[in-house]
PDB file of N, CA and C in Angstrom:
ATOM      1  N   MET A   1     -44.451-102.442  -4.703  1.00  0.00           N
ATOM      2  CA  MET A   1     -45.756-101.803  -4.701  1.00  0.00           C
ATOM      3  C   MET A   1     -46.742-102.736  -4.012  1.00  0.00           C
ATOM      4  N   ALA A   2     -47.559-102.213  -3.136  1.00  0.00           N
ATOM      5  CA  ALA A   2     -48.515-103.014  -2.377  1.00  0.00           C
ATOM      6  C   ALA A   2     -49.748-103.284  -3.235  1.00  0.00           C
ATOM      7  N   ARG A   3     -50.246-104.498  -3.125  1.00  0.00           N
ATOM      8  CA  ARG A   3     -51.451-104.893  -3.847  1.00  0.00           C
ATOM      9  C   ARG A   3     -52.411-105.480  -2.835  1.00  0.00           C
ATOM     10  N   GLN A   4     -53.664-105.071  -2.870  1.00  0.00           N
ATOM     11  CA  GLN A   4     -54.651-105.545  -1.917  1.00  0.00           C
ATOM     12  C   GLN A   4     -55.616-106.487  -2.624  1.00  0.00           C
ATOM     13  N   THR A   5     -55.854-107.645  -2.013  1.00  0.00           N
ATOM     14  CA  THR A   5     -56.851-108.563  -2.527  1.00  0.00           C
ATOM     15  C   THR A   5     -57.720-109.025  -1.373  1.00  0.00           C
ATOM     16  N   VAL A   6     -58.924-109.465  -1.690  1.00  0.00           N
ATOM     17  CA  VAL A   6     -59.831-109.992  -0.677  1.00  0.00           C
ATOM     18  C   VAL A   6     -60.135-111.440  -1.041  1.00  0.00           C
ATOM     19  N   SER A   7     -59.834-112.358  -0.124  1.00  0.00           N
ATOM     20  CA  SER A   7     -60.071-113.773  -0.391  1.00  0.00           C
ATOM     21  C   SER A   7     -61.524-114.118  -0.098  1.00  0.00           C
ATOM     22  N   SER A   8     -61.898-115.347  -0.398  1.00  0.00           N
ATOM     23  CA  SER A   8     -63.274-115.767  -0.186  1.00  0.00           C
ATOM     24  C   SER A   8     -63.637-115.815   1.289  1.00  0.00           C
ATOM     25  N   GLU A   9     -62.673-115.940   2.189  1.00  0.00           N
ATOM     26  CA  GLU A   9     -62.954-115.954   3.623  1.00  0.00           C
ATOM     27  C   GLU A   9     -63.019-114.546   4.192  1.00  0.00           C
ATOM     28  N   ARG A  10     -63.017-113.517   3.358  1.00  0.00           N
ATOM     29  CA  ARG A  10     -63.093-112.124   3.773  1.00  0.00           C
ATOM     30  C   ARG A  10     -61.833-111.669   4.509  1.00  0.00           C
ATOM     31  N   ASP A  11     -60.713-112.329   4.266  1.00  0.00           N
ATOM     32  CA  ASP A  11     -59.429-111.884   4.803  1.00  0.00           C
ATOM     33  C   ASP A  11     -58.879-110.803   3.887  1.00  0.00           C
ATOM     34  N   LEU A  12     -58.114-109.897   4.459  1.00  0.00           N
ATOM     35  CA  LEU A  12     -57.411-108.905   3.649  1.00  0.00           C
ATOM     36  C   LEU A  12     -55.989-109.397   3.443  1.00  0.00           C
ATOM     37  N   THR A  13     -55.534-109.367   2.208  1.00  0.00           N
ATOM     38  CA  THR A  13     -54.180-109.808   1.897  1.00  0.00           C
ATOM     39  C   THR A  13     -53.472-108.697   1.140  1.00  0.00           C
ATOM     40  N   PHE A  14     -52.325-108.279   1.660  1.00  0.00           N
ATOM     41  CA  PHE A  14     -51.495-107.276   1.009  1.00  0.00           C
ATOM     42  C   PHE A  14     -50.224-107.969   0.549  1.00  0.00           C
ATOM     43  N   THR A  15     -49.935-107.899  -0.756  1.00  0.00           N
ATOM     44  CA  THR A  15     -48.746-108.506  -1.319  1.00  0.00           C
ATOM     45  C   THR A  15     -47.739-107.416  -1.640  1.00  0.00           C
ATOM     46  N   MET A  16     -46.526-107.567  -1.093  1.00  0.00           N
ATOM     47  CA  MET A  16     -45.455-106.605  -1.321  1.00  0.00           C
ATOM     48  C   MET A  16     -44.220-107.406  -1.727  1.00  0.00           C
ATOM     49  N   GLY A  17     -43.990-107.486  -3.019  1.00  0.00           N
ATOM     50  CA  GLY A  17     -42.869-108.288  -3.493  1.00  0.00           C
ATOM     51  C   GLY A  17     -43.109-109.758  -3.201  1.00  0.00           C
ATOM     52  N   ARG A  18     -42.190-110.370  -2.448  1.00  0.00           N
ATOM     53  CA  ARG A  18     -42.321-111.792  -2.109  1.00  0.00           C
ATOM     54  C   ARG A  18     -42.962-112.005  -0.747  1.00  0.00           C
ATOM     55  N   GLU A  19     -43.405-110.934  -0.105  1.00  0.00           N
ATOM     56  CA  GLU A  19     -44.014-111.024   1.217  1.00  0.00           C
ATOM     57  C   GLU A  19     -45.523-110.776   1.114  1.00  0.00           C
ATOM     58  N   GLU A  20     -46.272-111.410   2.010  1.00  0.00           N
ATOM     59  CA  GLU A  20     -47.711-111.228   2.058  1.00  0.00           C
ATOM     60  C   GLU A  20     -48.127-110.952   3.492  1.00  0.00           C
ATOM     61  N   LEU A  21     -48.976-109.955   3.682  1.00  0.00           N
ATOM     62  CA  LEU A  21     -49.555-109.661   4.984  1.00  0.00           C
ATOM     63  C   LEU A  21     -51.022-110.050   4.910  1.00  0.00           C
ATOM     64  N   VAL A  22     -51.440-111.001   5.753  1.00  0.00           N
ATOM     65  CA  VAL A  22     -52.815-111.483   5.758  1.00  0.00           C
ATOM     66  C   VAL A  22     -53.457-111.043   7.066  1.00  0.00           C
ATOM     67  N   ILE A  23     -54.596-110.375   6.970  1.00  0.00           N
ATOM     68  CA  ILE A  23     -55.312-109.910   8.154  1.00  0.00           C
ATOM     69  C   ILE A  23     -56.601-110.709   8.267  1.00  0.00           C
ATOM     70  N   HIS A  24     -56.672-111.556   9.297  1.00  0.00           N
ATOM     71  CA  HIS A  24     -57.873-112.332   9.591  1.00  0.00           C
ATOM     72  C   HIS A  24     -58.755-111.517  10.532  1.00  0.00           C
ATOM     73  N   ARG A  25     -60.043-111.674  10.435  1.00  0.00           N
ATOM     74  CA  ARG A  25     -60.988-111.026  11.328  1.00  0.00           C
ATOM     75  C   ARG A  25     -60.708-109.520  11.383  1.00  0.00           C
ATOM     76  N   ARG A  26     -60.836-108.896  10.242  1.00  0.00           N
ATOM     77  CA  ARG A  26     -60.405-107.509  10.073  1.00  0.00           C
ATOM     78  C   ARG A  26     -61.089-106.528  11.009  1.00  0.00           C
ATOM     79  N   TYR A  27     -62.340-106.754  11.399  1.00  0.00           N
ATOM     80  CA  TYR A  27     -63.004-105.816  12.304  1.00  0.00           C
ATOM     81  C   TYR A  27     -62.399-105.886  13.702  1.00  0.00           C
ATOM     82  N   GLU A  28     -62.010-107.071  14.138  1.00  0.00           N
ATOM     83  CA  GLU A  28     -61.341-107.178  15.433  1.00  0.00           C
ATOM     84  C   GLU A  28     -59.976-106.513  15.389  1.00  0.00           C
ATOM     85  N   VAL A  29     -59.258-106.673  14.282  1.00  0.00           N
ATOM     86  CA  VAL A  29     -57.952-106.019  14.128  1.00  0.00           C
ATOM     87  C   VAL A  29     -58.134-104.502  14.118  1.00  0.00           C
ATOM     88  N   LEU A  30     -59.156-104.014  13.426  1.00  0.00           N
ATOM     89  CA  LEU A  30     -59.429-102.586  13.398  1.00  0.00           C
ATOM     90  C   LEU A  30     -59.730-102.063  14.795  1.00  0.00           C
ATOM     91  N   GLY A  31     -60.489-102.812  15.578  1.00  0.00           N
ATOM     92  CA  GLY A  31     -60.789-102.430  16.955  1.00  0.00           C
ATOM     93  C   GLY A  31     -59.545-102.401  17.830  1.00  0.00           C
ATOM     94  N   ILE A  32     -58.653-103.360  17.642  1.00  0.00           N
ATOM     95  CA  ILE A  32     -57.411-103.405  18.414  1.00  0.00           C
ATOM     96  C   ILE A  32     -56.523-102.219  18.062  1.00  0.00           C
ATOM     97  N   VAL A  33     -56.391-101.911  16.773  1.00  0.00           N
ATOM     98  CA  VAL A  33     -55.583-100.761  16.355  1.00  0.00           C
ATOM     99  C   VAL A  33     -56.180 -99.481  16.935  1.00  0.00           C
ATOM    100  N   ASN A  34     -57.504 -99.346  16.902  1.00  0.00           N
ATOM    101  CA  ASN A  34     -58.169 -98.174  17.463  1.00  0.00           C
ATOM    102  C   ASN A  34     -57.881 -98.058  18.956  1.00  0.00           C
ATOM    103  N   ASP A  35     -57.998 -99.154  19.709  1.00  0.00           N
ATOM    104  CA  ASP A  35     -57.718 -99.137  21.146  1.00  0.00           C
ATOM    105  C   ASP A  35     -56.267 -98.764  21.424  1.00  0.00           C
ATOM    106  N   PHE A  36     -55.346 -99.270  20.621  1.00  0.00           N
ATOM    107  CA  PHE A  36     -53.928 -98.955  20.788  1.00  0.00           C
ATOM    108  C   PHE A  36     -53.684 -97.456  20.590  1.00  0.00           C
ATOM    109  N   LEU A  37     -54.289 -96.886  19.551  1.00  0.00           N
ATOM    110  CA  LEU A  37     -54.133 -95.448  19.302  1.00  0.00           C
ATOM    111  C   LEU A  37     -54.750 -94.612  20.422  1.00  0.00           C
ATOM    112  N   ILE A  38     -55.891 -95.053  20.958  1.00  0.00           N
ATOM    113  CA  ILE A  38     -56.500 -94.347  22.087  1.00  0.00           C
ATOM    114  C   ILE A  38     -55.515 -94.279  23.247  1.00  0.00           C
ATOM    115  N   GLY A  39     -54.882 -95.400  23.557  1.00  0.00           N
ATOM    116  CA  GLY A  39     -53.897 -95.429  24.638  1.00  0.00           C
ATOM    117  C   GLY A  39     -52.743 -94.475  24.394  1.00  0.00           C
ATOM    118  N   ILE A  40     -52.244 -94.452  23.163  1.00  0.00           N
ATOM    119  CA  ILE A  40     -51.130 -93.553  22.832  1.00  0.00           C
ATOM    120  C   ILE A  40     -51.540 -92.100  23.040  1.00  0.00           C
ATOM    121  N   TRP A  41     -52.724 -91.703  22.508  1.00  0.00           N
ATOM    122  CA  TRP A  41     -53.151 -90.306  22.620  1.00  0.00           C
ATOM    123  C   TRP A  41     -53.317 -89.895  24.080  1.00  0.00           C
ATOM    124  N   PHE A  42     -53.908 -90.767  24.902  1.00  0.00           N
ATOM    125  CA  PHE A  42     -54.133 -90.398  26.296  1.00  0.00           C
ATOM    126  C   PHE A  42     -52.834 -90.364  27.100  1.00  0.00           C
ATOM    127  N   VAL A  43     -51.883 -91.235  26.810  1.00  0.00           N
ATOM    128  CA  VAL A  43     -50.594 -91.184  27.508  1.00  0.00           C
ATOM    129  C   VAL A  43     -49.839 -89.908  27.143  1.00  0.00           C
ATOM    130  N   ILE A  44     -49.750 -89.605  25.852  1.00  0.00           N
ATOM    131  CA  ILE A  44     -49.048 -88.389  25.428  1.00  0.00           C
ATOM    132  C   ILE A  44     -49.772 -87.152  25.965  1.00  0.00           C
ATOM    133  N   GLY A  45     -51.102 -87.160  25.902  1.00  0.00           N
ATOM    134  CA  GLY A  45     -51.870 -86.030  26.426  1.00  0.00           C
ATOM    135  C   GLY A  45     -51.655 -85.834  27.912  1.00  0.00           C
ATOM    136  N   SER A  46     -51.563 -86.921  28.658  1.00  0.00           N
ATOM    137  CA  SER A  46     -51.317 -86.827  30.096  1.00  0.00           C
ATOM    138  C   SER A  46     -49.949 -86.219  30.389  1.00  0.00           C
ATOM    139  N   VAL A  47     -48.934 -86.625  29.652  1.00  0.00           N
ATOM    140  CA  VAL A  47     -47.593 -86.078  29.841  1.00  0.00           C
ATOM    141  C   VAL A  47     -47.580 -84.585  29.508  1.00  0.00           C
ATOM    142  N   CYS A  48     -48.326 -84.193  28.483  1.00  0.00           N
ATOM    143  CA  CYS A  48     -48.369 -82.780  28.083  1.00  0.00           C
ATOM    144  C   CYS A  48     -48.932 -81.891  29.185  1.00  0.00           C
ATOM    145  N   PHE A  49     -49.753 -82.442  30.082  1.00  0.00           N
ATOM    146  CA  PHE A  49     -50.314 -81.637  31.153  1.00  0.00           C
ATOM    147  C   PHE A  49     -49.274 -81.260  32.211  1.00  0.00           C
ATOM    148  N   PHE A  50     -48.100 -81.869  32.184  1.00  0.00           N
ATOM    149  CA  PHE A  50     -47.032 -81.474  33.101  1.00  0.00           C
ATOM    150  C   PHE A  50     -46.422 -80.138  32.702  1.00  0.00           C
ATOM    151  N   TYR A  51     -46.653 -79.692  31.485  1.00  0.00           N
ATOM    152  CA  TYR A  51     -46.062 -78.466  30.960  1.00  0.00           C
ATOM    153  C   TYR A  51     -47.148 -77.428  30.739  1.00  0.00           C
ATOM    154  N   GLU A  52     -46.785 -76.175  30.731  1.00  0.00           N
ATOM    155  CA  GLU A  52     -47.739 -75.082  30.533  1.00  0.00           C
ATOM    156  C   GLU A  52     -47.670 -74.591  29.092  1.00  0.00           C
ATOM    157  N   GLY A  53     -48.675 -73.860  28.690  1.00  0.00           N
ATOM    158  CA  GLY A  53     -48.658 -73.205  27.385  1.00  0.00           C
ATOM    159  C   GLY A  53     -49.118 -74.099  26.254  1.00  0.00           C
ATOM    160  N   ALA A  54     -48.385 -74.022  25.141  1.00  0.00           N
ATOM    161  CA  ALA A  54     -48.772 -74.718  23.915  1.00  0.00           C
ATOM    162  C   ALA A  54     -48.755 -76.232  24.082  1.00  0.00           C
ATOM    163  N   VAL A  55     -47.835 -76.733  24.908  1.00  0.00           N
ATOM    164  CA  VAL A  55     -47.764 -78.186  25.113  1.00  0.00           C
ATOM    165  C   VAL A  55     -49.018 -78.668  25.833  1.00  0.00           C
ATOM    166  N   GLN A  56     -49.496 -77.878  26.794  1.00  0.00           N
ATOM    167  CA  GLN A  56     -50.716 -78.244  27.505  1.00  0.00           C
ATOM    168  C   GLN A  56     -51.922 -78.210  26.563  1.00  0.00           C
ATOM    169  N   THR A  57     -51.957 -77.244  25.661  1.00  0.00           N
ATOM    170  CA  THR A  57     -53.027 -77.178  24.668  1.00  0.00           C
ATOM    171  C   THR A  57     -52.982 -78.400  23.753  1.00  0.00           C
ATOM    172  N   ALA A  58     -51.794 -78.818  23.372  1.00  0.00           N
ATOM    173  CA  ALA A  58     -51.656 -80.039  22.559  1.00  0.00           C
ATOM    174  C   ALA A  58     -52.192 -81.240  23.324  1.00  0.00           C
ATOM    175  N   GLY A  59     -51.946 -81.281  24.626  1.00  0.00           N
ATOM    176  CA  GLY A  59     -52.472 -82.369  25.453  1.00  0.00           C
ATOM    177  C   GLY A  59     -53.989 -82.398  25.455  1.00  0.00           C
ATOM    178  N   VAL A  60     -54.607 -81.226  25.519  1.00  0.00           N
ATOM    179  CA  VAL A  60     -56.076 -81.153  25.473  1.00  0.00           C
ATOM    180  C   VAL A  60     -56.589 -81.696  24.142  1.00  0.00           C
ATOM    181  N   TRP A  61     -55.927 -81.324  23.046  1.00  0.00           N
ATOM    182  CA  TRP A  61     -56.349 -81.820  21.730  1.00  0.00           C
ATOM    183  C   TRP A  61     -56.187 -83.337  21.628  1.00  0.00           C
ATOM    184  N   LEU A  62     -55.131 -83.877  22.233  1.00  0.00           N
ATOM    185  CA  LEU A  62     -54.955 -85.333  22.205  1.00  0.00           C
ATOM    186  C   LEU A  62     -56.059 -86.027  22.997  1.00  0.00           C
ATOM    187  N   PHE A  63     -56.501 -85.413  24.091  1.00  0.00           N
ATOM    188  CA  PHE A  63     -57.635 -85.974  24.830  1.00  0.00           C
ATOM    189  C   PHE A  63     -58.909 -85.934  23.989  1.00  0.00           C
ATOM    190  N   VAL A  64     -59.102 -84.865  23.234  1.00  0.00           N
ATOM    191  CA  VAL A  64     -60.273 -84.771  22.359  1.00  0.00           C
ATOM    192  C   VAL A  64     -60.210 -85.862  21.292  1.00  0.00           C
ATOM    193  N   ILE A  65     -59.040 -86.061  20.682  1.00  0.00           N
ATOM    194  CA  ILE A  65     -58.878 -87.113  19.668  1.00  0.00           C
ATOM    195  C   ILE A  65     -59.155 -88.482  20.275  1.00  0.00           C
ATOM    196  N   GLY A  66     -58.612 -88.731  21.456  1.00  0.00           N
ATOM    197  CA  GLY A  66     -58.849 -90.014  22.135  1.00  0.00           C
ATOM    198  C   GLY A  66     -60.318 -90.219  22.444  1.00  0.00           C
ATOM    199  N   SER A  67     -60.993 -89.157  22.847  1.00  0.00           N
ATOM    200  CA  SER A  67     -62.423 -89.260  23.155  1.00  0.00           C
ATOM    201  C   SER A  67     -63.241 -89.579  21.914  1.00  0.00           C
ATOM    202  N   VAL A  68     -62.888 -88.970  20.789  1.00  0.00           N
ATOM    203  CA  VAL A  68     -63.585 -89.285  19.535  1.00  0.00           C
ATOM    204  C   VAL A  68     -63.360 -90.742  19.165  1.00  0.00           C
ATOM    205  N   GLN A  69     -62.135 -91.220  19.367  1.00  0.00           N
ATOM    206  CA  GLN A  69     -61.862 -92.621  19.061  1.00  0.00           C
ATOM    207  C   GLN A  69     -62.622 -93.556  19.987  1.00  0.00           C
ATOM    208  N   LEU A  70     -62.873 -93.141  21.219  1.00  0.00           N
ATOM    209  CA  LEU A  70     -63.713 -93.959  22.102  1.00  0.00           C
ATOM    210  C   LEU A  70     -65.124 -94.081  21.546  1.00  0.00           C
ATOM    211  N   LEU A  71     -65.584 -93.080  20.809  1.00  0.00           N
ATOM    212  CA  LEU A  71     -66.884 -93.173  20.149  1.00  0.00           C
ATOM    213  C   LEU A  71     -66.825 -94.062  18.915  1.00  0.00           C
ATOM    214  N   ILE A  72     -65.659 -94.143  18.286  1.00  0.00           N
ATOM    215  CA  ILE A  72     -65.506 -94.980  17.098  1.00  0.00           C
ATOM    216  C   ILE A  72     -65.564 -96.462  17.460  1.00  0.00           C
ATOM    217  N   ARG A  73     -65.087 -96.821  18.648  1.00  0.00           N
ATOM    218  CA  ARG A  73     -65.036 -98.231  19.057  1.00  0.00           C
ATOM    219  C   ARG A  73     -66.389 -98.928  18.919  1.00  0.00           C
ATOM    220  N   PRO A  74     -67.482 -98.396  19.500  1.00  0.00           N
ATOM    221  CA  PRO A  74     -68.761 -99.101  19.325  1.00  0.00           C
ATOM    222  C   PRO A  74     -69.246 -99.083  17.881  1.00  0.00           C
ATOM    223  N   ALA A  75     -68.867 -98.075  17.106  1.00  0.00           N
ATOM    224  CA  ALA A  75     -69.251 -98.037  15.690  1.00  0.00           C
ATOM    225  C   ALA A  75     -68.590 -99.185  14.930  1.00  0.00           C
ATOM    226  N   ILE A  76     -67.330 -99.487  15.270  1.00  0.00           N
ATOM    227  CA  ILE A  76     -66.631-100.616  14.639  1.00  0.00           C
ATOM    228  C   ILE A  76     -67.327-101.927  14.993  1.00  0.00           C
ATOM    229  N   ARG A  77     -67.666-102.096  16.264  1.00  0.00           N
ATOM    230  CA  ARG A  77     -68.345-103.334  16.673  1.00  0.00           C
ATOM    231  C   ARG A  77     -69.711-103.453  16.014  1.00  0.00           C
ATOM    232  N   LEU A  78     -70.444-102.340  15.939  1.00  0.00           N
ATOM    233  CA  LEU A  78     -71.766-102.369  15.315  1.00  0.00           C
ATOM    234  C   LEU A  78     -71.661-102.699  13.834  1.00  0.00           C
ATOM    235  N   HIS A  79     -70.690-102.126  13.150  1.00  0.00           N
ATOM    236  CA  HIS A  79     -70.514-102.390  11.722  1.00  0.00           C
ATOM    237  C   HIS A  79     -70.158-103.851  11.473  1.00  0.00           C
ATOM    238  N   ARG A  80     -69.509-104.472  12.427  1.00  0.00           N
ATOM    239  CA  ARG A  80     -69.135-105.881  12.303  1.00  0.00           C
ATOM    240  C   ARG A  80     -70.373-106.768  12.229  1.00  0.00           C
ATOM    241  N   TYR A  81     -71.421-106.390  12.944  1.00  0.00           N
ATOM    242  CA  TYR A  81     -72.609-107.229  13.018  1.00  0.00           C
ATOM    243  C   TYR A  81     -73.748-106.760  12.118  1.00  0.00           C
ATOM    244  N   VAL A  82     -73.767-105.482  11.758  1.00  0.00           N
ATOM    245  CA  VAL A  82     -74.849-104.931  10.950  1.00  0.00           C
ATOM    246  C   VAL A  82     -74.235-104.274   9.719  1.00  0.00           C
ATOM    247  N   TYR A  83     -74.593-104.756   8.560  1.00  0.00           N
ATOM    248  CA  TYR A  83     -74.057-104.192   7.334  1.00  0.00           C
ATOM    249  C   TYR A  83     -75.048-104.407   6.207  1.00  0.00           C
ATOM    250  N   PHE A  84     -74.893-103.629   5.155  1.00  0.00           N
ATOM    251  CA  PHE A  84     -75.730-103.769   3.969  1.00  0.00           C
ATOM    252  C   PHE A  84     -75.121-104.815   3.048  1.00  0.00           C
ATOM    253  N   LYS A  85     -75.981-105.620   2.464  1.00  0.00           N
ATOM    254  CA  LYS A  85     -75.533-106.614   1.493  1.00  0.00           C
ATOM    255  C   LYS A  85     -76.206-106.281   0.166  1.00  0.00           C
ATOM    256  N   ARG A  86     -75.423-106.240  -0.891  1.00  0.00           N
ATOM    257  CA  ARG A  86     -75.962-105.916  -2.206  1.00  0.00           C
ATOM    258  C   ARG A  86     -76.735-107.128  -2.738  1.00  0.00           C
ATOM    259  N   LEU A  87     -77.983-106.854  -3.121  1.00  0.00           N
ATOM    260  CA  LEU A  87     -78.821-107.898  -3.694  1.00  0.00           C
ATOM    261  C   LEU A  87     -78.597-107.961  -5.201  1.00  0.00           C
ATOM    262  N   PRO A  88     -78.809-109.132  -5.791  1.00  0.00           N
ATOM    263  CA  PRO A  88     -78.655-109.229  -7.257  1.00  0.00           C
ATOM    264  C   PRO A  88     -79.644-108.311  -7.955  1.00  0.00           C
ATOM    265  N   ASP A  89     -79.222-107.753  -9.062  1.00  0.00           N
ATOM    266  CA  ASP A  89     -80.076-106.869  -9.855  1.00  0.00           C
ATOM    267  C   ASP A  89     -81.028-107.744 -10.639  1.00  0.00           C
ATOM    268  N   GLU A  90     -82.341-107.609 -10.359  1.00  0.00           N
ATOM    269  CA  GLU A  90     -83.354-108.468 -10.991  1.00  0.00           C
ATOM    270  C   GLU A  90     -83.488-108.188 -12.487  1.00  0.00           C
ATOM    271  N   GLN A  91     -83.228-106.972 -12.921  1.00  0.00           N
ATOM    272  CA  GLN A  91     -83.369-106.624 -14.342  1.00  0.00           C
ATOM    273  C   GLN A  91     -82.307-107.318 -15.186  1.00  0.00           C
ATOM    274  N   HIS A  92     -81.075-107.442 -14.638  1.00  0.00           N
ATOM    275  CA  HIS A  92     -79.997-108.056 -15.394  1.00  0.00           C
ATOM    276  C   HIS A  92     -79.955-109.572 -15.239  1.00  0.00           C
ATOM    277  N   ASP A  93     -80.607-110.115 -14.196  1.00  0.00           N
ATOM    278  CA  ASP A  93     -80.590-111.566 -13.972  1.00  0.00           C
ATOM    279  C   ASP A  93     -81.651-112.279 -14.798  1.00  0.00           C
ATOM    280  N   ALA A  94     -82.634-111.565 -15.315  1.00  0.00           N
ATOM    281  CA  ALA A  94     -83.740-112.195 -16.033  1.00  0.00           C
ATOM    282  C   ALA A  94     -83.355-112.577 -17.438  1.00  0.00           C
TER     283      ALA A  94
END
């Protein structure tokens, strides 16, 4: 069973049995995964245009998905630099 923990350095750590997956700089990793998926959708969508009918329609949808992901890329970068930080509750700290 996978267990997720967050270390003090803001790394993501997933423990699965005796193995651990540690993700450093998670926003950069998220951006890389997003870029990789964009490439996959556009390659498959391009191949689908060689065929007519339903396969071509699937290709159009893959282009739409890839285009939406191109919009997600700057959102990931923006979230990396701009985020909300929870302030201490003054009523409970007094």
